[in-house]
C-alpha atoms as a PDB file:
ATOM      1  CA  MET A   1     -43.327   5.100  -1.109  1.00  0.00           C
ATOM      2  CA  VAL A   2     -40.319   2.290  -2.285  1.00  0.00           C
ATOM      3  CA  THR A   3     -38.849   0.887   0.719  1.00  0.00           C
ATOM      4  CA  LEU A   4     -34.567   0.220  -0.036  1.00  0.00           C
ATOM      5  CA  THR A   5     -33.771  -2.922   2.183  1.00  0.00           C
ATOM      6  CA  ALA A   6     -29.308  -3.352   1.858  1.00  0.00           C
ATOM      7  CA  ARG A   7     -29.100  -7.062   0.685  1.00  0.00           C
ATOM      8  CA  HIS A   8     -25.750  -7.819   3.292  1.00  0.00           C
ATOM      9  CA  LYS A   9     -26.806  -6.626   7.040  1.00  0.00           C
ATOM     10  CA  GLY A  10     -24.500  -4.333   9.103  1.00  0.00           C
ATOM     11  CA  LEU A  11     -22.372  -1.008   9.168  1.00  0.00           C
ATOM     12  CA  CYS A  12     -20.794  -1.766   5.558  1.00  0.00           C
ATOM     13  CA  GLY A  13     -24.928  -0.946   4.623  1.00  0.00           C
ATOM     14  CA  ASN A  14     -24.721   2.210   5.334  1.00  0.00           C
ATOM     15  CA  GLU A  15     -22.458   3.013   2.723  1.00  0.00           C
ATOM     16  CA  ILE A  16     -24.110   2.351   0.750  1.00  0.00           C
ATOM     17  CA  PRO A  17     -24.871   5.610  -2.364  1.00  0.00           C
ATOM     18  CA  VAL A  18     -28.383   6.253  -2.887  1.00  0.00           C
ATOM     19  CA  SER A  19     -29.548   9.280  -5.546  1.00  0.00           C
ATOM     20  CA  LEU A  20     -30.529  10.560  -8.607  1.00  0.00           C
ATOM     21  CA  ASN A  21     -29.804  11.610 -11.254  1.00  0.00           C
ATOM     22  CA  TYR A  22     -26.149  10.666 -11.282  1.00  0.00           C
ATOM     23  CA  TYR A  23     -25.438  12.423 -15.167  1.00  0.00           C
ATOM     24  CA  GLY A  24     -27.412  14.780 -15.168  1.00  0.00           C
ATOM     25  CA  PHE A  25     -29.277  17.051 -17.821  1.00  0.00           C
ATOM     26  CA  GLY A  26     -26.198  16.443 -20.473  1.00  0.00           C
ATOM     27  CA  GLY A  27     -26.427  13.320 -19.383  1.00  0.00           C
ATOM     28  CA  GLY A  28     -30.155  12.185 -19.862  1.00  0.00           C
ATOM     29  CA  GLU A  29     -30.725  11.877 -16.827  1.00  0.00           C
ATOM     30  CA  VAL A  30     -34.043  14.693 -15.324  1.00  0.00           C
ATOM     31  CA  LEU A  31     -37.089  14.150 -13.695  1.00  0.00           C
ATOM     32  CA  PRO A  32     -40.408  14.594 -15.787  1.00  0.00           C
ATOM     33  CA  ALA A  33     -42.679  17.908 -14.991  1.00  0.00           C
ATOM     34  CA  GLY A  34     -43.854  18.146 -12.479  1.00  0.00           C
ATOM     35  CA  VAL A  35     -42.232  14.812 -10.505  1.00  0.00           C
ATOM     36  CA  GLN A  36     -40.606  15.589  -7.164  1.00  0.00           C
ATOM     37  CA  ILE A  37     -38.706  12.898  -5.679  1.00  0.00           C
ATOM     38  CA  ALA A  38     -36.704  13.023  -1.855  1.00  0.00           C
ATOM     39  CA  VAL A  39     -34.668  10.487  -0.077  1.00  0.00           C
ATOM     40  CA  ALA A  40     -34.688  10.337   3.081  1.00  0.00           C
ATOM     41  CA  THR A  41     -33.177   8.947   5.351  1.00  0.00           C
ATOM     42  CA  GLY A  42     -32.449   4.881   6.086  1.00  0.00           C
ATOM     43  CA  THR A  43     -32.487   3.211   8.991  1.00  0.00           C
ATOM     44  CA  ALA A  44     -28.295   2.161   9.604  1.00  0.00           C
ATOM     45  CA  GLY A  45     -27.393  -0.903   9.735  1.00  0.00           C
ATOM     46  CA  THR A  46     -25.185  -2.379  13.102  1.00  0.00           C
ATOM     47  CA  GLY A  47     -22.722  -4.837  13.224  1.00  0.00           C
ATOM     48  CA  ALA A  48     -20.189  -6.511  11.171  1.00  0.00           C
ATOM     49  CA  PRO A  49     -19.152 -10.118  10.460  1.00  0.00           C
ATOM     50  CA  VAL A  50     -15.563 -12.097  12.778  1.00  0.00           C
ATOM     51  CA  LEU A  51     -13.180 -12.244  10.352  1.00  0.00           C
ATOM     52  CA  THR A  52     -11.581 -14.680  12.283  1.00  0.00           C
ATOM     53  CA  GLY A  53     -12.180 -18.021   9.793  1.00  0.00           C
ATOM     54  CA  ALA A  54     -11.760 -15.922   7.416  1.00  0.00           C
ATOM     55  CA  VAL A  55      -8.116 -15.680   7.708  1.00  0.00           C
ATOM     56  CA  ALA A  56      -8.320 -19.199   9.833  1.00  0.00           C
ATOM     57  CA  ALA A  57      -9.077 -20.307   6.188  1.00  0.00           C
ATOM     58  CA  MET A  58      -6.353 -17.939   4.295  1.00  0.00           C
ATOM     59  CA  ALA A  59      -3.821 -20.341   6.557  1.00  0.00           C
ATOM     60  CA  ASP A  60       0.062 -19.844   4.795  1.00  0.00           C
ATOM     61  CA  GLU A  61      -1.338 -19.347   1.971  1.00  0.00           C
ATOM     62  CA  PRO A  62       1.059 -16.738   0.190  1.00  0.00           C
ATOM     63  CA  PHE A  63      -1.738 -13.192  -0.660  1.00  0.00           C
ATOM     64  CA  ASP A  64       0.517 -10.523  -1.471  1.00  0.00           C
ATOM     65  CA  TYR A  65      -2.996  -8.256  -2.026  1.00  0.00           C
ATOM     66  CA  ILE A  66      -5.916  -8.655   0.530  1.00  0.00           C
ATOM     67  CA  GLY A  67      -8.520  -6.730  -0.191  1.00  0.00           C
ATOM     68  CA  LEU A  68     -10.531  -5.624   2.664  1.00  0.00           C
ATOM     69  CA  PRO A  69     -14.454  -4.773   1.628  1.00  0.00           C
ATOM     70  CA  PHE A  70     -15.126  -3.928   5.927  1.00  0.00           C
ATOM     71  CA  ASN A  71     -14.060  -0.681   7.173  1.00  0.00           C
ATOM     72  CA  ASP A  72     -15.037  -0.997  10.817  1.00  0.00           C
ATOM     73  CA  THR A  73     -13.211  -1.066  13.953  1.00  0.00           C
ATOM     74  CA  ALA A  74     -12.718  -5.005  14.383  1.00  0.00           C
ATOM     75  CA  SER A  75     -12.544  -6.475  10.986  1.00  0.00           C
ATOM     76  CA  VAL A  76      -9.272  -4.431  10.310  1.00  0.00           C
ATOM     77  CA  ASN A  77      -7.473  -4.699  14.112  1.00  0.00           C
ATOM     78  CA  THR A  78      -8.161  -8.761  12.899  1.00  0.00           C
ATOM     79  CA  LEU A  79      -6.657  -7.765   9.632  1.00  0.00           C
ATOM     80  CA  VAL A  80      -3.905  -6.048  11.639  1.00  0.00           C
ATOM     81  CA  THR A  81      -2.867  -8.742  13.914  1.00  0.00           C
ATOM     82  CA  GLU A  82      -2.028 -11.712  10.359  1.00  0.00           C
ATOM     83  CA  MET A  83       0.001  -8.896   8.947  1.00  0.00           C
ATOM     84  CA  ASN A  84       2.436  -8.549  11.741  1.00  0.00           C
ATOM     85  CA  ASP A  85       5.895  -8.104  12.597  1.00  0.00           C
ATOM     86  CA  THR A  86       6.162 -10.687  15.322  1.00  0.00           C
ATOM     87  CA  SER A  87       3.738 -13.315  14.180  1.00  0.00           C
ATOM     88  CA  GLY A  88       2.285 -12.282  11.383  1.00  0.00           C
ATOM     89  CA  ARG A  89       2.822 -12.450   7.854  1.00  0.00           C
ATOM     90  CA  TRP A  90       5.469 -10.602   7.462  1.00  0.00           C
ATOM     91  CA  SER A  91       7.171 -12.411  10.261  1.00  0.00           C
ATOM     92  CA  TYR A  92      10.682 -13.957   9.637  1.00  0.00           C
ATOM     93  CA  ALA A  93       8.418 -17.090  10.761  1.00  0.00           C
ATOM     94  CA  ARG A  94       5.907 -16.884   9.022  1.00  0.00           C
ATOM     95  CA  GLN A  95       7.631 -15.065   5.974  1.00  0.00           C
ATOM     96  CA  LEU A  96       4.377 -14.691   3.383  1.00  0.00           C
ATOM     97  CA  TYR A  97       4.625 -10.022   3.385  1.00  0.00           C
ATOM     98  CA  GLY A  98       1.697  -8.805   1.061  1.00  0.00           C
ATOM     99  CA  HIS A  99      -0.598  -5.784   2.103  1.00  0.00           C
ATOM    100  CA  VAL A 100      -4.477  -5.016   3.261  1.00  0.00           C
ATOM    101  CA  TYR A 101      -6.535  -2.194   1.214  1.00  0.00           C
ATOM    102  CA  THR A 102      -9.441  -1.563   2.096  1.00  0.00           C
ATOM    103  CA  ALA A 103     -11.785   2.065   2.300  1.00  0.00           C
ATOM    104  CA  LYS A 104     -13.960   3.684   3.190  1.00  0.00           C
ATOM    105  CA  ILE A 105     -16.975   6.631   2.133  1.00  0.00           C
ATOM    106  CA  GLY A 106     -17.499   9.883   4.916  1.00  0.00           C
ATOM    107  CA  THR A 107     -16.975  13.291   5.701  1.00  0.00           C
ATOM    108  CA  LEU A 108     -13.848  14.973   6.210  1.00  0.00           C
ATOM    109  CA  SER A 109     -13.498  14.640  10.259  1.00  0.00           C
ATOM    110  CA  GLU A 110     -15.028  10.950   9.825  1.00  0.00           C
ATOM    111  CA  LEU A 111     -12.214  10.095   7.454  1.00  0.00           C
ATOM    112  CA  VAL A 112      -9.622  11.891   9.872  1.00  0.00           C
ATOM    113  CA  THR A 113     -11.247   9.867  12.647  1.00  0.00           C
ATOM    114  CA  ALA A 114     -11.182   6.863  10.506  1.00  0.00           C
ATOM    115  CA  GLY A 115      -7.318   7.227  10.009  1.00  0.00           C
ATOM    116  CA  ASP A 116      -6.106   8.246  13.668  1.00  0.00           C
ATOM    117  CA  GLN A 117      -7.570   4.585  14.694  1.00  0.00           C
ATOM    118  CA  PHE A 118      -4.781   2.618  13.452  1.00  0.00           C
ATOM    119  CA  ASN A 119      -1.378   3.036  12.659  1.00  0.00           C
ATOM    120  CA  GLN A 120       0.044  -0.030  11.194  1.00  0.00           C
ATOM    121  CA  GLN A 121       2.366   0.197   7.653  1.00  0.00           C
ATOM    122  CA  HIS A 122       0.971  -3.758   5.825  1.00  0.00           C
ATOM    123  CA  ILE A 123      -2.285  -1.455   6.279  1.00  0.00           C
ATOM    124  CA  THR A 124      -3.467   1.526   3.549  1.00  0.00           C
ATOM    125  CA  LEU A 125      -8.050   2.686   4.442  1.00  0.00           C
ATOM    126  CA  ALA A 126      -8.571   4.419   1.015  1.00  0.00           C
ATOM    127  CA  GLY A 127     -10.421   7.787   1.782  1.00  0.00           C
ATOM    128  CA  TYR A 128     -13.504   8.688  -0.995  1.00  0.00           C
ATOM    129  CA  GLU A 129     -16.373  11.535  -0.002  1.00  0.00           C
ATOM    130  CA  LYS A 130     -19.570  11.128   0.800  1.00  0.00           C
ATOM    131  CA  GLU A 131     -20.987  11.367  -2.294  1.00  0.00           C
ATOM    132  CA  THR A 132     -19.369   8.819  -3.923  1.00  0.00           C
ATOM    133  CA  GLN A 133     -21.757   6.455  -5.880  1.00  0.00           C
ATOM    134  CA  THR A 134     -20.572   3.363  -5.567  1.00  0.00           C
ATOM    135  CA  PRO A 135     -20.442   1.245  -2.424  1.00  0.00           C
ATOM    136  CA  ALA A 136     -17.240   0.980   0.290  1.00  0.00           C
ATOM    137  CA  ASP A 137     -16.608  -2.982  -0.460  1.00  0.00           C
ATOM    138  CA  GLU A 138     -16.064  -2.323  -4.703  1.00  0.00           C
ATOM    139  CA  LEU A 139     -13.739   0.459  -4.534  1.00  0.00           C
ATOM    140  CA  ALA A 140     -11.502  -1.228  -2.396  1.00  0.00           C
ATOM    141  CA  ALA A 141     -11.401  -3.788  -4.497  1.00  0.00           C
ATOM    142  CA  SER A 142     -10.840  -1.636  -7.610  1.00  0.00           C
ATOM    143  CA  ARG A 143      -8.029  -0.168  -5.519  1.00  0.00           C
ATOM    144  CA  THR A 144      -6.506  -4.244  -4.639  1.00  0.00           C
ATOM    145  CA  ALA A 145      -7.013  -4.806  -8.093  1.00  0.00           C
ATOM    146  CA  ARG A 146      -5.567  -1.682  -9.465  1.00  0.00           C
ATOM    147  CA  ALA A 147      -2.148  -2.435  -6.846  1.00  0.00           C
ATOM    148  CA  ALA A 148      -2.025  -5.753  -8.218  1.00  0.00           C
ATOM    149  CA  VAL A 149      -2.521  -4.578 -11.732  1.00  0.00           C
ATOM    150  CA  PHE A 150       0.685  -1.883 -11.016  1.00  0.00           C
ATOM    151  CA  ILE A 151       2.752  -3.935  -8.307  1.00  0.00           C
ATOM    152  CA  ARG A 152       3.211  -6.547 -10.244  1.00  0.00           C
ATOM    153  CA  ASN A 153       4.945  -5.488 -13.000  1.00  0.00           C
ATOM    154  CA  ASP A 154       6.660  -3.095 -10.998  1.00  0.00           C
ATOM    155  CA  PRO A 155       6.971  -3.278  -7.291  1.00  0.00           C
ATOM    156  CA  ALA A 156       9.410  -0.080  -6.445  1.00  0.00           C
ATOM    157  CA  ARG A 157       6.878   1.621  -9.700  1.00  0.00           C
ATOM    158  CA  PRO A 158       4.199   4.852  -8.135  1.00  0.00           C
ATOM    159  CA  THR A 159       0.039   4.144  -8.311  1.00  0.00           C
ATOM    160  CA  GLN A 160      -0.668   7.265  -9.204  1.00  0.00           C
ATOM    161  CA  THR A 161      -2.681   8.030 -11.286  1.00  0.00           C
ATOM    162  CA  GLY A 162      -3.991   4.369 -11.748  1.00  0.00           C
ATOM    163  CA  GLU A 163      -7.996   3.870 -13.110  1.00  0.00           C
ATOM    164  CA  LEU A 164     -10.535   2.690 -10.221  1.00  0.00           C
ATOM    165  CA  VAL A 165     -12.446   1.243 -13.709  1.00  0.00           C
ATOM    166  CA  GLY A 166     -15.861   1.548 -13.031  1.00  0.00           C
ATOM    167  CA  MET A 167     -16.554   3.656 -10.097  1.00  0.00           C
ATOM    168  CA  LEU A 168     -18.436   6.499 -10.258  1.00  0.00           C
ATOM    169  CA  PRO A 169     -17.516   9.635  -7.917  1.00  0.00           C
ATOM    170  CA  ALA A 170     -18.476  12.351  -6.111  1.00  0.00           C
ATOM    171  CA  PRO A 171     -20.257  14.752  -8.424  1.00  0.00           C
ATOM    172  CA  LYS A 172     -17.719  17.695  -9.379  1.00  0.00           C
ATOM    173  CA  GLY A 173     -18.781  19.992  -6.355  1.00  0.00           C
ATOM    174  CA  LYS A 174     -18.422  17.267  -3.620  1.00  0.00           C
ATOM    175  CA  ARG A 175     -14.925  16.903  -4.240  1.00  0.00           C
ATOM    176  CA  PHE A 176     -12.822  17.497  -2.017  1.00  0.00           C
ATOM    177  CA  THR A 177      -9.567  20.342  -2.653  1.00  0.00           C
ATOM    178  CA  MET A 178      -6.403  19.766  -2.051  1.00  0.00           C
ATOM    179  CA  THR A 179      -5.958  20.676   0.723  1.00  0.00           C
ATOM    180  CA  GLU A 180      -8.616  18.560   2.612  1.00  0.00           C
ATOM    181  CA  GLN A 181      -6.980  15.985   0.831  1.00  0.00           C
ATOM    182  CA  GLN A 182      -4.094  17.110   1.852  1.00  0.00           C
ATOM    183  CA  THR A 183      -5.004  16.401   6.015  1.00  0.00           C
ATOM    184  CA  LEU A 184      -6.531  12.317   4.491  1.00  0.00           C
ATOM    185  CA  LEU A 185      -2.955  12.692   3.691  1.00  0.00           C
ATOM    186  CA  SER A 186      -1.000  14.081   6.918  1.00  0.00           C
ATOM    187  CA  HIS A 187      -3.687  11.071   9.230  1.00  0.00           C
ATOM    188  CA  GLY A 188      -2.567   7.833   7.223  1.00  0.00           C
ATOM    189  CA  VAL A 189      -5.735   7.939   4.753  1.00  0.00           C
ATOM    190  CA  ALA A 190      -4.656   7.522   0.965  1.00  0.00           C
ATOM    191  CA  THR A 191      -6.574   9.237  -1.463  1.00  0.00           C
ATOM    192  CA  ALA A 192      -8.201   9.333  -4.544  1.00  0.00           C
ATOM    193  CA  TYR A 193      -9.070  11.693  -7.458  1.00  0.00           C
ATOM    194  CA  VAL A 194     -10.987  12.192 -10.097  1.00  0.00           C
ATOM    195  CA  GLU A 195     -10.156  13.711 -13.472  1.00  0.00           C
ATOM    196  CA  SER A 196     -11.977  13.769 -16.925  1.00  0.00           C
ATOM    197  CA  GLY A 197     -14.834  11.974 -14.506  1.00  0.00           C
ATOM    198  CA  VAL A 198     -12.734   9.037 -14.596  1.00  0.00           C
ATOM    199  CA  LEU A 199     -11.757   8.688 -10.088  1.00  0.00           C
ATOM    200  CA  ARG A 200      -8.235   7.770 -10.223  1.00  0.00           C
ATOM    201  CA  ILE A 201      -5.442   6.649  -7.168  1.00  0.00           C
ATOM    202  CA  GLN A 202      -3.937   9.817  -6.503  1.00  0.00           C
ATOM    203  CA  ARG A 203      -1.440   8.275  -3.234  1.00  0.00           C
ATOM    204  CA  ASP A 204      -1.126   4.734  -0.686  1.00  0.00           C
ATOM    205  CA  VAL A 205      -0.586   5.984   1.922  1.00  0.00           C
ATOM    206  CA  THR A 206      -0.432   3.528   5.038  1.00  0.00           C
ATOM    207  CA  THR A 207      -1.980   4.836   8.143  1.00  0.00           C
ATOM    208  CA  TYR A 208       1.195   4.105   9.636  1.00  0.00           C
ATOM    209  CA  ARG A 209       2.514   7.175  11.450  1.00  0.00           C
ATOM    210  CA  LYS A 210       4.795   7.455  13.806  1.00  0.00           C
ATOM    211  CA  ASN A 211       7.242   4.535  15.351  1.00  0.00           C
ATOM    212  CA  ALA A 212       6.312   2.957  18.304  1.00  0.00           C
ATOM    213  CA  TYR A 213       7.866   6.792  20.519  1.00  0.00           C
ATOM    214  CA  GLY A 214       4.590   8.351  19.252  1.00  0.00           C
ATOM    215  CA  VAL A 215       7.523  10.514  17.288  1.00  0.00           C
ATOM    216  CA  ALA A 216       6.314  11.187  13.552  1.00  0.00           C
ATOM    217  CA  ASP A 217       7.953   8.692  11.239  1.00  0.00           C
ATOM    218  CA  ASN A 218       8.086   8.709   7.915  1.00  0.00           C
ATOM    219  CA  SER A 219       9.256   4.634   6.885  1.00  0.00           C
ATOM    220  CA  TYR A 220       6.650   3.290   5.450  1.00  0.00           C
ATOM    221  CA  LEU A 221       4.000   5.970   4.776  1.00  0.00           C
ATOM    222  CA  ASP A 222       3.936   3.994   1.354  1.00  0.00           C
ATOM    223  CA  SER A 223       2.581   0.785   0.745  1.00  0.00           C
ATOM    224  CA  GLU A 224       4.793   0.736  -2.342  1.00  0.00           C
ATOM    225  CA  THR A 225       7.456   0.693   0.266  1.00  0.00           C
ATOM    226  CA  LEU A 226       6.637  -2.063   1.970  1.00  0.00           C
ATOM    227  CA  HIS A 227       5.943  -4.051  -1.165  1.00  0.00           C
ATOM    228  CA  THR A 228       9.478  -3.006  -2.574  1.00  0.00           C
ATOM    229  CA  SER A 229      10.571  -4.638   0.958  1.00  0.00           C
ATOM    230  CA  ALA A 230       8.499  -8.050   0.022  1.00  0.00           C
ATOM    231  CA  TYR A 231      10.339  -8.235  -3.847  1.00  0.00           C
ATOM    232  CA  VAL A 232      13.979  -7.448  -2.188  1.00  0.00           C
ATOM    233  CA  LEU A 233      12.884  -9.413   1.327  1.00  0.00           C
ATOM    234  CA  ARG A 234      11.925 -12.643  -1.580  1.00  0.00           C
ATOM    235  CA  LYS A 235      15.017 -11.762  -4.329  1.00  0.00           C
ATOM    236  CA  LEU A 236      18.002 -13.187  -1.309  1.00  0.00           C
ATOM    237  CA  LYS A 237      16.065 -15.866  -0.512  1.00  0.00           C
ATOM    238  CA  SER A 238      15.782 -17.530  -3.490  1.00  0.00           C
ATOM    239  CA  VAL A 239      19.466 -16.301  -4.445  1.00  0.00           C
ATOM    240  CA  ILE A 240      20.103 -18.386  -1.320  1.00  0.00           C
ATOM    241  CA  THR A 241      18.312 -21.485  -1.127  1.00  0.00           C
ATOM    242  CA  SER A 242      18.667 -21.801  -4.581  1.00  0.00           C
ATOM    243  CA  LYS A 243      22.468 -21.500  -5.176  1.00  0.00           C
ATOM    244  CA  TYR A 244      23.216 -23.048  -1.259  1.00  0.00           C
ATOM    245  CA  GLY A 245      20.091 -24.433  -0.244  1.00  0.00           C
ATOM    246  CA  ARG A 246      23.113 -27.765   0.839  1.00  0.00           C
ATOM    247  CA  HIS A 247      26.550 -25.799   1.595  1.00  0.00           C
ATOM    248  CA  LYS A 248      28.265 -26.726   4.531  1.00  0.00           C
ATOM    249  CA  LEU A 249      29.698 -23.367   6.223  1.00  0.00           C
ATOM    250  CA  ALA A 250      33.382 -22.268   7.053  1.00  0.00           C
ATOM    251  CA  SER A 251      35.013 -18.602   8.500  1.00  0.00           C
ATOM    252  CA  ASP A 252      36.614 -16.658   5.968  1.00  0.00           C
ATOM    253  CA  GLY A 253      39.797 -18.442   5.122  1.00  0.00           C
ATOM    254  CA  THR A 254      40.085 -21.686   5.194  1.00  0.00           C
ATOM    255  CA  ARG A 255      41.921 -23.730   3.319  1.00  0.00           C
ATOM    256  CA  PHE A 256      39.131 -26.313   1.984  1.00  0.00           C
ATOM    257  CA  GLY A 257      40.147 -28.433  -1.870  1.00  0.00           C
ATOM    258  CA  PRO A 258      38.648 -27.510  -4.183  1.00  0.00           C
ATOM    259  CA  GLY A 259      34.449 -29.293  -5.346  1.00  0.00           C
ATOM    260  CA  GLN A 260      33.580 -28.603  -1.903  1.00  0.00           C
ATOM    261  CA  ALA A 261      30.455 -26.673  -0.914  1.00  0.00           C
ATOM    262  CA  ILE A 262      31.037 -25.584   0.772  1.00  0.00           C
ATOM    263  CA  VAL A 263      30.418 -21.286   1.738  1.00  0.00           C
ATOM    264  CA  THR A 264      32.664 -18.295   4.239  1.00  0.00           C
ATOM    265  CA  PRO A 265      30.625 -15.158   5.119  1.00  0.00           C
ATOM    266  CA  ALA A 266      33.082 -13.816   1.675  1.00  0.00           C
ATOM    267  CA  VAL A 267      31.439 -15.649  -0.670  1.00  0.00           C
ATOM    268  CA  ILE A 268      27.817 -14.537   1.135  1.00  0.00           C
ATOM    269  CA  LYS A 269      28.446 -11.561   0.053  1.00  0.00           C
ATOM    270  CA  GLY A 270      30.444 -11.443  -2.699  1.00  0.00           C
ATOM    271  CA  GLU A 271      27.134 -12.915  -3.681  1.00  0.00           C
ATOM    272  CA  LEU A 272      24.971 -10.398  -2.192  1.00  0.00           C
ATOM    273  CA  LEU A 273      26.752  -7.752  -3.551  1.00  0.00           C
ATOM    274  CA  ALA A 274      25.770  -9.028  -7.095  1.00  0.00           C
ATOM    275  CA  THR A 275      23.110  -8.864  -6.361  1.00  0.00           C
ATOM    276  CA  TYR A 276      22.060  -5.748  -5.044  1.00  0.00           C
ATOM    277  CA  ARG A 277      24.005  -4.620  -9.079  1.00  0.00           C
ATOM    278  CA  GLN A 278      20.613  -7.070 -10.001  1.00  0.00           C
ATOM    279  CA  LEU A 279      18.219  -4.947  -8.283  1.00  0.00           C
ATOM    280  CA  GLU A 280      20.068  -1.599  -9.607  1.00  0.00           C
ATOM    281  CA  ARG A 281      20.033  -3.033 -12.994  1.00  0.00           C
ATOM    282  CA  ALA A 282      15.976  -3.406 -12.615  1.00  0.00           C
ATOM    283  CA  GLY A 283      15.416  -0.375 -10.880  1.00  0.00           C
ATOM    284  CA  ILE A 284      14.654  -1.423  -7.538  1.00  0.00           C
ATOM    285  CA  VAL A 285      17.735   0.517  -5.639  1.00  0.00           C
ATOM    286  CA  GLU A 286      20.493   2.635  -5.759  1.00  0.00           C
ATOM    287  CA  ASN A 287      23.974   3.601  -4.093  1.00  0.00           C
ATOM    288  CA  TYR A 288      25.800   0.592  -4.000  1.00  0.00           C
ATOM    289  CA  GLU A 289      28.791   2.358  -2.908  1.00  0.00           C
ATOM    290  CA  LEU A 290      27.420   2.978  -0.189  1.00  0.00           C
ATOM    291  CA  PHE A 291      25.731  -0.050   0.338  1.00  0.00           C
ATOM    292  CA  LYS A 292      28.644  -1.746   0.303  1.00  0.00           C
ATOM    293  CA  GLN A 293      29.985   0.423   1.749  1.00  0.00           C
ATOM    294  CA  TYR A 294      27.244  -0.939   4.861  1.00  0.00           C
ATOM    295  CA  LEU A 295      26.609  -4.832   4.042  1.00  0.00           C
ATOM    296  CA  VAL A 296      27.990  -7.131   6.931  1.00  0.00           C
ATOM    297  CA  VAL A 297      28.176 -10.920   6.813  1.00  0.00           C
ATOM    298  CA  GLU A 298      29.594 -12.368   9.615  1.00  0.00           C
ATOM    299  CA  ARG A 299      29.459 -15.700  11.975  1.00  0.00           C
ATOM    300  CA  ASP A 300      27.157 -16.125  14.652  1.00  0.00           C
ATOM    301  CA  ALA A 301      29.856 -16.014  17.697  1.00  0.00           C
ATOM    302  CA  SER A 302      26.961 -18.176  19.367  1.00  0.00           C
ATOM    303  CA  ASP A 303      25.611 -20.387  16.986  1.00  0.00           C
ATOM    304  CA  PRO A 304      28.685 -21.447  13.932  1.00  0.00           C
ATOM    305  CA  ASN A 305      25.550 -22.526  11.990  1.00  0.00           C
ATOM    306  CA  ARG A 306      23.870 -18.973  11.892  1.00  0.00           C
ATOM    307  CA  LEU A 307      25.027 -16.858   9.635  1.00  0.00           C
ATOM    308  CA  ASN A 308      24.456 -13.009  10.436  1.00  0.00           C
ATOM    309  CA  THR A 309      23.337 -10.351   7.876  1.00  0.00           C
ATOM    310  CA  LEU A 310      22.992  -7.301   8.395  1.00  0.00           C
ATOM    311  CA  PHE A 311      21.294  -6.194   5.127  1.00  0.00           C
ATOM    312  CA  PRO A 312      21.465  -1.955   4.671  1.00  0.00           C
ATOM    313  CA  PRO A 313      19.817  -1.171   0.836  1.00  0.00           C
ATOM    314  CA  ASP A 314      18.678   2.055  -0.934  1.00  0.00           C
ATOM    315  CA  TYR A 315      15.088   2.142  -2.737  1.00  0.00           C
ATOM    316  CA  VAL A 316      14.070   4.449  -5.699  1.00  0.00           C
ATOM    317  CA  ASN A 317      11.635   6.519  -4.578  1.00  0.00           C
ATOM    318  CA  GLN A 318       9.033   7.830  -6.921  1.00  0.00           C
ATOM    319  CA  LEU A 319       8.122  11.226  -8.062  1.00  0.00           C
ATOM    320  CA  ARG A 320       5.523  12.921  -6.629  1.00  0.00           C
ATOM    321  CA  VAL A 321       6.085  16.663  -6.117  1.00  0.00           C
ATOM    322  CA  PHE A 322       7.755  18.862  -9.127  1.00  0.00           C
ATOM    323  CA  ALA A 323       8.633  22.336  -7.497  1.00  0.00           C
ATOM    324  CA  VAL A 324       9.228  25.076  -9.672  1.00  0.00           C
ATOM    325  CA  VAL A 325      10.009  28.864  -8.713  1.00  0.00           C
ATOM    326  CA  ASN A 326       8.532  30.540 -11.649  1.00  0.00           C
ATOM    327  CA  GLN A 327      11.238  33.374 -11.604  1.00  0.00           C
ATOM    328  CA  PHE A 328       9.938  34.946 -15.216  1.00  0.00           C
ATOM    329  CA  ARG A 329      11.475  38.385 -17.576  1.00  0.00           C
ATOM    330  CA  LEU A 330       9.853  40.248 -19.292  1.00  0.00           C
ATOM    331  CA  GLN A 331      13.315  40.354 -21.461  1.00  0.00           C
ATOM    332  CA  TYR A 332      16.318  39.032 -20.998  1.00  0.00           C
ATOM    333  CA  SER A 333      18.928  42.645 -20.602  1.00  0.00           C
ATOM    334  CA  GLU A 334      21.117  40.603 -22.394  1.00  0.00           C
ATOM    335  CA  GLU A 335      21.992  37.739 -24.908  1.00  0.00           C
ATOM    336  CA  SER A 336      23.063  35.019 -24.681  1.00  0.00           C
ATOM    337  CA  ALA A 337      26.193  33.857 -25.278  1.00  0.00           C
END
């Protein structure tokens, strides 16, 4: 008898795959004649590390791609708190942004249950079949790295088809069907698929599904939307702080002399329109004319030093579905002109 013991304690060890002859006869992995080996059910680990110290060590350093090796509820909720829009990394006070990627291995029902526990746009929980031959922490790391490569190049371009290098998928016959993958997506679980033996990203959805009233909401369905938001917000901050970092503020129509470092709402509005054109050329946003119509820049009624802006960008989307109605003919009755 051979006893295997997980190197690290806790729940994470329960998802370490133990199997024989993954590649089978075609890959030269078979037992010798007369030899039989059975893999017994192991003793499940319990507990998870407390991540408050690790999160505190991150302080106010920006991290755009955060790989979380632990998928238990307490660990994920610790990152949910760190990423939130009110006081976390996405709040107005910190403006650090970033996105968390984690992974879980399990049956369809187990993954659905896991997805239903969360409703947070800054978390992507990827689900993989129970027979997947790579531990969850490595799957999370691989997916985080792949997303980083893609998103840094273009935050609005979908991560689908991205190869999870070195990750061993579930064997044939044990993989989720298309219907099961759709079920996972509808419960906030990101999916993967296998092509020619290679595990690839199918769709990087977030765990967000409902608004504060419990009504279905697809505003933050895809992680690319959040990465695009971070890109746009940083672009705006860069433009305003670089060009108008020490300017005075006056109302439209003020007749100040030449050379004055003064801005008015109209000046900033023109700057934002020019910036939107740049973002449009970069393939980040669309519908300039409607954006121009809805853009609002005005001085605050209570604070004369404050400029309030309603910035309503229309993000470009991702091609995910190609729908075809194949109305075939055996032969057209007339030749085309």
